[in-house]
């Protein structure tokens, strides 16, 4: 694979992945803390409207760059506990996104369910980040 032999190509791809994660998690933390009432809680809907498009863009870029990074050493990654943990947490985080938006449409207000979903989101995405970092050390 070309990326495996390219110091600059792999480095640039890795940097793009880190940037995508920063955009994604920065947006998610913004939304989750607002929903939980821990940061500018009175304007939580406005915060969501501003942050969710960035979160979506960050997620798409993270998936694209992460997929390319995965392809470089796929057979190695699929046997690594941190990678498998990261993928499991990602599935749970995406399921939580679905539940969160369902509750938001159905309830329309920031009740306990929405707050718990935001807390779960924050926990899951931090776990995904930590697991992803652990991959680089093995």
N, C-alpha and C. Protein backbone atom coordinates (compact mmCIF):
# COMPACT_ATOMS: atom_id res chain seq x y z
N UNK A 1 0.85 -1.17 0.00
CA UNK A 1 0.00 0.00 0.00
C UNK A 1 0.90 1.24 0.00
N UNK A 2 0.51 2.22 -0.75
CA UNK A 2 1.28 3.45 -0.89
C UNK A 2 1.43 4.19 0.42
N UNK A 3 0.39 4.26 1.22
CA UNK A 3 0.46 4.97 2.50
C UNK A 3 1.50 4.36 3.43
N UNK A 4 1.66 3.07 3.37
CA UNK A 4 2.61 2.39 4.24
C UNK A 4 4.04 2.85 3.97
N UNK A 5 4.31 3.20 2.72
CA UNK A 5 5.66 3.61 2.33
C UNK A 5 5.84 5.11 2.33
N UNK A 6 4.80 5.85 2.53
CA UNK A 6 4.86 7.31 2.44
C UNK A 6 4.83 7.94 3.83
N UNK A 7 5.97 8.44 4.25
CA UNK A 7 6.03 9.10 5.55
C UNK A 7 5.10 10.31 5.58
N UNK A 8 5.16 11.15 4.55
CA UNK A 8 4.34 12.36 4.53
C UNK A 8 2.87 12.06 4.30
N UNK A 9 2.57 11.11 3.46
CA UNK A 9 1.17 10.76 3.20
C UNK A 9 0.48 10.21 4.43
N UNK A 10 1.16 9.30 5.11
CA UNK A 10 0.59 8.71 6.32
C UNK A 10 0.47 9.76 7.41
N UNK A 11 1.49 10.59 7.54
CA UNK A 11 1.46 11.65 8.54
C UNK A 11 0.34 12.65 8.29
N UNK A 12 0.15 13.03 7.02
CA UNK A 12 -0.91 13.97 6.68
C UNK A 12 -2.29 13.35 6.94
N UNK A 13 -2.43 12.08 6.61
CA UNK A 13 -3.70 11.39 6.86
C UNK A 13 -3.98 11.29 8.36
N UNK A 14 -2.95 10.98 9.11
CA UNK A 14 -3.09 10.89 10.56
C UNK A 14 -3.46 12.26 11.14
N UNK A 15 -2.84 13.32 10.65
CA UNK A 15 -3.16 14.67 11.11
C UNK A 15 -4.61 15.04 10.76
N UNK A 16 -5.05 14.66 9.57
CA UNK A 16 -6.45 14.92 9.18
C UNK A 16 -7.41 14.16 10.08
N UNK A 17 -7.03 12.94 10.48
CA UNK A 17 -7.87 12.15 11.38
C UNK A 17 -7.97 12.83 12.75
N UNK A 18 -6.85 13.32 13.24
CA UNK A 18 -6.84 14.01 14.54
C UNK A 18 -7.67 15.29 14.46
N UNK A 19 -7.54 16.03 13.37
CA UNK A 19 -8.35 17.24 13.18
C UNK A 19 -9.84 16.89 13.17
N UNK A 20 -10.20 15.85 12.46
CA UNK A 20 -11.60 15.42 12.40
C UNK A 20 -12.12 15.05 13.78
N UNK A 21 -11.30 14.35 14.56
CA UNK A 21 -11.70 13.97 15.91
C UNK A 21 -11.88 15.22 16.78
N UNK A 22 -10.99 16.18 16.60
CA UNK A 22 -11.12 17.43 17.36
C UNK A 22 -12.41 18.15 17.05
N UNK A 23 -12.75 18.22 15.77
CA UNK A 23 -14.01 18.87 15.36
C UNK A 23 -15.20 18.11 15.91
N UNK A 24 -15.16 16.79 15.77
CA UNK A 24 -16.26 15.95 16.23
C UNK A 24 -16.44 16.05 17.74
N UNK A 25 -15.37 15.82 18.50
CA UNK A 25 -15.50 15.81 19.95
C UNK A 25 -15.75 17.20 20.52
N UNK A 26 -15.14 18.21 19.92
CA UNK A 26 -15.42 19.57 20.38
C UNK A 26 -16.89 19.91 20.26
N UNK A 27 -17.48 19.50 19.16
CA UNK A 27 -18.90 19.75 18.95
C UNK A 27 -19.77 18.94 19.90
N UNK A 28 -19.40 17.69 20.08
CA UNK A 28 -20.18 16.81 20.95
C UNK A 28 -20.12 17.28 22.40
N UNK A 29 -18.93 17.65 22.86
CA UNK A 29 -18.79 18.14 24.23
C UNK A 29 -19.65 19.39 24.43
N UNK A 30 -19.63 20.27 23.44
CA UNK A 30 -20.44 21.50 23.48
C UNK A 30 -21.92 21.14 23.67
N UNK A 31 -22.42 20.25 22.84
CA UNK A 31 -23.84 19.88 22.90
C UNK A 31 -24.15 19.14 24.20
N UNK A 32 -23.34 18.16 24.55
CA UNK A 32 -23.64 17.35 25.73
C UNK A 32 -23.63 18.17 27.01
N UNK A 33 -22.65 19.04 27.16
CA UNK A 33 -22.61 19.87 28.37
C UNK A 33 -23.81 20.82 28.44
N UNK A 34 -24.24 21.33 27.30
CA UNK A 34 -25.43 22.20 27.28
C UNK A 34 -26.68 21.40 27.66
N UNK A 35 -26.81 20.21 27.10
CA UNK A 35 -27.99 19.38 27.40
C UNK A 35 -28.01 19.01 28.88
N UNK A 36 -26.85 18.73 29.43
CA UNK A 36 -26.75 18.35 30.84
C UNK A 36 -26.94 19.55 31.76
N UNK A 37 -26.97 20.76 31.19
CA UNK A 37 -27.16 21.96 31.98
C UNK A 37 -25.89 22.43 32.66
N UNK A 38 -24.73 21.95 32.20
CA UNK A 38 -23.46 22.29 32.84
C UNK A 38 -22.73 23.44 32.16
N UNK A 39 -23.24 23.87 31.00
CA UNK A 39 -22.59 24.97 30.29
C UNK A 39 -23.62 25.67 29.42
N UNK A 40 -23.87 26.92 29.69
CA UNK A 40 -24.84 27.71 28.93
C UNK A 40 -26.13 26.94 28.68
N UNK A 41 -26.63 26.36 29.72
CA UNK A 41 -27.80 25.50 29.62
C UNK A 41 -29.06 26.20 29.13
N UNK A 42 -29.14 27.51 29.30
CA UNK A 42 -30.35 28.22 28.91
C UNK A 42 -30.47 28.33 27.39
N UNK A 43 -29.38 28.16 26.66
CA UNK A 43 -29.41 28.26 25.19
C UNK A 43 -29.02 26.93 24.54
N UNK A 44 -29.50 25.84 25.09
CA UNK A 44 -29.07 24.54 24.61
C UNK A 44 -29.51 24.25 23.18
N UNK A 45 -30.69 24.69 22.78
CA UNK A 45 -31.14 24.44 21.41
C UNK A 45 -30.29 25.19 20.39
N UNK A 46 -29.94 26.44 20.70
CA UNK A 46 -29.08 27.22 19.81
C UNK A 46 -27.72 26.57 19.69
N UNK A 47 -27.20 26.10 20.81
CA UNK A 47 -25.90 25.41 20.80
C UNK A 47 -25.94 24.16 19.95
N UNK A 48 -27.03 23.42 20.03
CA UNK A 48 -27.17 22.22 19.20
C UNK A 48 -27.23 22.59 17.73
N UNK A 49 -27.99 23.60 17.39
CA UNK A 49 -28.14 24.02 16.00
C UNK A 49 -26.80 24.42 15.40
N UNK A 50 -25.94 25.03 16.21
CA UNK A 50 -24.62 25.45 15.73
C UNK A 50 -23.64 24.29 15.67
N UNK A 51 -23.68 23.41 16.65
CA UNK A 51 -22.65 22.38 16.79
C UNK A 51 -22.92 21.11 15.99
N UNK A 52 -24.16 20.72 15.81
CA UNK A 52 -24.43 19.44 15.15
C UNK A 52 -23.94 19.36 13.70
N UNK A 53 -24.05 20.42 12.89
CA UNK A 53 -23.47 20.31 11.54
C UNK A 53 -21.95 20.09 11.57
N UNK A 54 -21.28 20.72 12.53
CA UNK A 54 -19.83 20.49 12.68
C UNK A 54 -19.55 19.07 13.13
N UNK A 55 -20.36 18.57 14.05
CA UNK A 55 -20.18 17.19 14.52
C UNK A 55 -20.36 16.21 13.37
N UNK A 56 -21.35 16.43 12.54
CA UNK A 56 -21.57 15.55 11.38
C UNK A 56 -20.38 15.59 10.43
N UNK A 57 -19.90 16.79 10.13
CA UNK A 57 -18.75 16.92 9.22
C UNK A 57 -17.51 16.26 9.83
N UNK A 58 -17.29 16.48 11.13
CA UNK A 58 -16.16 15.85 11.79
C UNK A 58 -16.27 14.34 11.77
N UNK A 59 -17.48 13.82 11.97
CA UNK A 59 -17.68 12.37 11.95
C UNK A 59 -17.37 11.79 10.57
N UNK A 60 -17.89 12.43 9.54
CA UNK A 60 -17.65 11.93 8.17
C UNK A 60 -16.16 11.93 7.87
N UNK A 61 -15.48 13.02 8.19
CA UNK A 61 -14.04 13.10 7.94
C UNK A 61 -13.29 12.07 8.78
N UNK A 62 -13.70 11.86 10.03
CA UNK A 62 -13.05 10.87 10.89
C UNK A 62 -13.23 9.45 10.34
N UNK A 63 -14.42 9.15 9.84
CA UNK A 63 -14.67 7.82 9.26
C UNK A 63 -13.83 7.61 8.00
N UNK A 64 -13.78 8.63 7.15
CA UNK A 64 -13.00 8.50 5.92
C UNK A 64 -11.51 8.35 6.19
N UNK A 65 -10.97 9.20 7.04
CA UNK A 65 -9.55 9.12 7.35
C UNK A 65 -9.23 7.89 8.19
N UNK A 66 -10.12 7.56 9.13
CA UNK A 66 -9.91 6.37 9.95
C UNK A 66 -9.96 5.10 9.12
N UNK A 67 -10.86 5.06 8.14
CA UNK A 67 -10.93 3.90 7.25
C UNK A 67 -9.64 3.73 6.45
N UNK A 68 -9.10 4.84 5.98
CA UNK A 68 -7.84 4.77 5.23
C UNK A 68 -6.69 4.35 6.14
N UNK A 69 -6.64 4.86 7.36
CA UNK A 69 -5.61 4.44 8.30
C UNK A 69 -5.77 2.96 8.65
N UNK A 70 -7.00 2.51 8.82
CA UNK A 70 -7.27 1.10 9.12
C UNK A 70 -6.76 0.21 7.99
N UNK A 71 -6.96 0.63 6.76
CA UNK A 71 -6.58 -0.18 5.61
C UNK A 71 -5.07 -0.45 5.56
N UNK A 72 -4.28 0.44 6.15
CA UNK A 72 -2.83 0.27 6.13
C UNK A 72 -2.40 -0.99 6.88
N UNK A 73 -3.07 -1.29 7.99
CA UNK A 73 -2.71 -2.46 8.82
C UNK A 73 -3.97 -3.18 9.32
N UNK A 74 -4.90 -3.40 8.46
CA UNK A 74 -6.20 -3.98 8.86
C UNK A 74 -6.05 -5.29 9.60
N UNK A 75 -5.23 -6.20 9.09
CA UNK A 75 -5.12 -7.52 9.72
C UNK A 75 -4.53 -7.42 11.13
N UNK A 76 -3.72 -6.42 11.37
CA UNK A 76 -3.17 -6.21 12.71
C UNK A 76 -4.21 -5.58 13.64
N UNK A 77 -4.92 -4.58 13.14
CA UNK A 77 -5.88 -3.86 13.99
C UNK A 77 -7.02 -4.74 14.47
N UNK A 78 -7.50 -5.64 13.63
CA UNK A 78 -8.66 -6.45 14.01
C UNK A 78 -8.36 -7.42 15.13
N UNK A 79 -7.09 -7.58 15.49
CA UNK A 79 -6.73 -8.46 16.60
C UNK A 79 -6.39 -7.67 17.86
N UNK A 80 -6.44 -6.36 17.80
CA UNK A 80 -6.03 -5.52 18.92
C UNK A 80 -7.22 -5.18 19.82
N UNK A 81 -7.07 -5.43 21.11
CA UNK A 81 -8.14 -5.15 22.06
C UNK A 81 -8.58 -3.68 22.03
N UNK A 82 -7.64 -2.70 22.01
CA UNK A 82 -8.10 -1.31 21.98
C UNK A 82 -8.92 -0.98 20.73
N UNK A 83 -8.58 -1.55 19.60
CA UNK A 83 -9.34 -1.31 18.37
C UNK A 83 -10.74 -1.90 18.50
N UNK A 84 -10.81 -3.14 18.98
CA UNK A 84 -12.12 -3.79 19.14
C UNK A 84 -12.98 -3.04 20.16
N UNK A 85 -12.36 -2.56 21.23
CA UNK A 85 -13.08 -1.76 22.22
C UNK A 85 -13.58 -0.46 21.58
N UNK A 86 -12.72 0.19 20.80
CA UNK A 86 -13.11 1.43 20.12
C UNK A 86 -14.31 1.20 19.22
N UNK A 87 -14.30 0.13 18.45
CA UNK A 87 -15.41 -0.16 17.54
C UNK A 87 -16.69 -0.49 18.31
N UNK A 88 -16.56 -1.22 19.41
CA UNK A 88 -17.74 -1.52 20.24
C UNK A 88 -18.34 -0.27 20.85
N UNK A 89 -17.47 0.60 21.37
CA UNK A 89 -17.95 1.87 21.93
C UNK A 89 -18.57 2.75 20.84
N UNK A 90 -18.00 2.70 19.64
CA UNK A 90 -18.56 3.49 18.53
C UNK A 90 -19.97 3.03 18.19
N UNK A 91 -20.18 1.73 18.17
CA UNK A 91 -21.54 1.20 17.91
C UNK A 91 -22.50 1.70 18.99
N UNK A 92 -22.08 1.63 20.24
CA UNK A 92 -22.93 2.11 21.33
C UNK A 92 -23.18 3.62 21.23
N UNK A 93 -22.15 4.38 20.88
CA UNK A 93 -22.31 5.84 20.75
C UNK A 93 -23.29 6.19 19.62
N UNK A 94 -23.20 5.47 18.51
CA UNK A 94 -24.11 5.74 17.39
C UNK A 94 -25.54 5.33 17.75
N UNK A 95 -25.69 4.24 18.48
CA UNK A 95 -27.03 3.86 18.96
C UNK A 95 -27.57 4.94 19.89
N UNK A 96 -26.71 5.50 20.73
CA UNK A 96 -27.12 6.57 21.63
C UNK A 96 -27.54 7.81 20.85
N UNK A 97 -26.88 8.10 19.76
CA UNK A 97 -27.27 9.25 18.91
C UNK A 97 -28.70 9.05 18.41
N UNK A 98 -29.01 7.84 17.98
CA UNK A 98 -30.35 7.54 17.50
C UNK A 98 -31.37 7.73 18.61
N UNK A 99 -31.08 7.19 19.78
CA UNK A 99 -31.98 7.32 20.93
C UNK A 99 -32.14 8.79 21.32
N UNK A 100 -31.03 9.51 21.35
CA UNK A 100 -31.05 10.92 21.71
C UNK A 100 -31.99 11.71 20.79
N UNK A 101 -31.83 11.54 19.48
CA UNK A 101 -32.65 12.29 18.54
C UNK A 101 -34.11 11.83 18.58
N UNK A 102 -34.35 10.57 18.86
CA UNK A 102 -35.73 10.09 19.01
C UNK A 102 -36.37 10.77 20.21
N UNK A 103 -35.64 10.81 21.34
CA UNK A 103 -36.18 11.47 22.53
C UNK A 103 -36.38 12.96 22.30
N UNK A 104 -35.46 13.58 21.60
CA UNK A 104 -35.57 15.02 21.33
C UNK A 104 -36.82 15.31 20.51
N UNK A 105 -37.08 14.51 19.48
CA UNK A 105 -38.29 14.70 18.66
C UNK A 105 -39.55 14.39 19.45
N UNK A 106 -39.50 13.34 20.22
CA UNK A 106 -40.70 12.89 20.92
C UNK A 106 -41.02 13.78 22.13
N UNK A 107 -40.00 14.11 22.90
CA UNK A 107 -40.24 14.86 24.13
C UNK A 107 -40.13 16.37 23.92
N UNK A 108 -39.18 16.76 23.09
CA UNK A 108 -39.02 18.17 22.77
C UNK A 108 -38.43 19.03 23.87
N UNK A 109 -38.16 18.46 25.01
CA UNK A 109 -37.59 19.27 26.09
C UNK A 109 -36.42 18.54 26.71
N UNK A 110 -35.69 19.26 27.52
CA UNK A 110 -34.49 18.73 28.13
C UNK A 110 -34.83 18.06 29.46
N UNK A 111 -35.37 16.85 29.35
CA UNK A 111 -35.74 16.10 30.54
C UNK A 111 -34.61 15.18 30.97
N UNK A 112 -34.88 14.35 31.95
CA UNK A 112 -33.87 13.46 32.50
C UNK A 112 -33.34 12.47 31.45
N UNK A 113 -34.21 11.97 30.60
CA UNK A 113 -33.77 11.03 29.56
C UNK A 113 -32.75 11.65 28.62
N UNK A 114 -33.01 12.87 28.20
CA UNK A 114 -32.08 13.58 27.32
C UNK A 114 -30.77 13.87 28.03
N UNK A 115 -30.86 14.23 29.29
CA UNK A 115 -29.64 14.50 30.08
C UNK A 115 -28.81 13.24 30.26
N UNK A 116 -29.47 12.11 30.53
CA UNK A 116 -28.75 10.85 30.68
C UNK A 116 -28.11 10.42 29.36
N UNK A 117 -28.81 10.65 28.27
CA UNK A 117 -28.26 10.33 26.95
C UNK A 117 -27.03 11.19 26.66
N UNK A 118 -27.08 12.46 27.04
CA UNK A 118 -25.93 13.35 26.85
C UNK A 118 -24.76 12.89 27.70
N UNK A 119 -25.02 12.47 28.93
CA UNK A 119 -23.94 11.97 29.80
C UNK A 119 -23.34 10.69 29.23
N UNK A 120 -24.20 9.82 28.71
CA UNK A 120 -23.71 8.59 28.08
C UNK A 120 -22.87 8.93 26.85
N UNK A 121 -23.33 9.89 26.07
CA UNK A 121 -22.59 10.33 24.89
C UNK A 121 -21.20 10.79 25.25
N UNK A 122 -21.12 11.67 26.23
CA UNK A 122 -19.83 12.20 26.67
C UNK A 122 -18.90 11.07 27.11
N UNK A 123 -19.43 10.15 27.88
CA UNK A 123 -18.64 9.02 28.38
C UNK A 123 -18.17 8.13 27.23
N UNK A 124 -19.08 7.81 26.33
CA UNK A 124 -18.74 6.92 25.21
C UNK A 124 -17.70 7.55 24.29
N UNK A 125 -17.86 8.81 23.93
CA UNK A 125 -16.91 9.44 23.01
C UNK A 125 -15.54 9.61 23.65
N UNK A 126 -15.49 9.86 24.94
CA UNK A 126 -14.19 9.92 25.62
C UNK A 126 -13.55 8.53 25.62
N UNK A 127 -14.35 7.50 25.81
CA UNK A 127 -13.84 6.13 25.72
C UNK A 127 -13.32 5.79 24.34
N UNK A 128 -14.02 6.26 23.32
CA UNK A 128 -13.58 6.03 21.94
C UNK A 128 -12.24 6.73 21.70
N UNK A 129 -12.13 7.95 22.19
CA UNK A 129 -10.88 8.69 22.04
C UNK A 129 -9.73 7.97 22.75
N UNK A 130 -9.95 7.56 23.99
CA UNK A 130 -8.90 6.87 24.76
C UNK A 130 -8.51 5.55 24.10
N UNK A 131 -9.48 4.79 23.64
CA UNK A 131 -9.18 3.53 22.96
C UNK A 131 -8.39 3.75 21.69
N UNK A 132 -8.78 4.78 20.95
CA UNK A 132 -8.06 5.11 19.71
C UNK A 132 -6.61 5.48 19.97
N UNK A 133 -6.37 6.24 21.02
CA UNK A 133 -5.00 6.61 21.37
C UNK A 133 -4.20 5.36 21.77
N UNK A 134 -4.84 4.44 22.47
CA UNK A 134 -4.15 3.23 22.91
C UNK A 134 -3.70 2.38 21.72
N UNK A 135 -4.41 2.46 20.61
CA UNK A 135 -4.03 1.70 19.42
C UNK A 135 -2.63 2.11 18.97
N UNK A 136 -2.33 3.39 19.02
CA UNK A 136 -1.04 3.89 18.56
C UNK A 136 0.14 3.45 19.41
N UNK A 137 -0.12 2.92 20.60
CA UNK A 137 0.96 2.50 21.48
C UNK A 137 1.22 1.00 21.43
N UNK A 138 0.48 0.29 20.61
CA UNK A 138 0.68 -1.18 20.51
C UNK A 138 1.26 -1.56 19.16
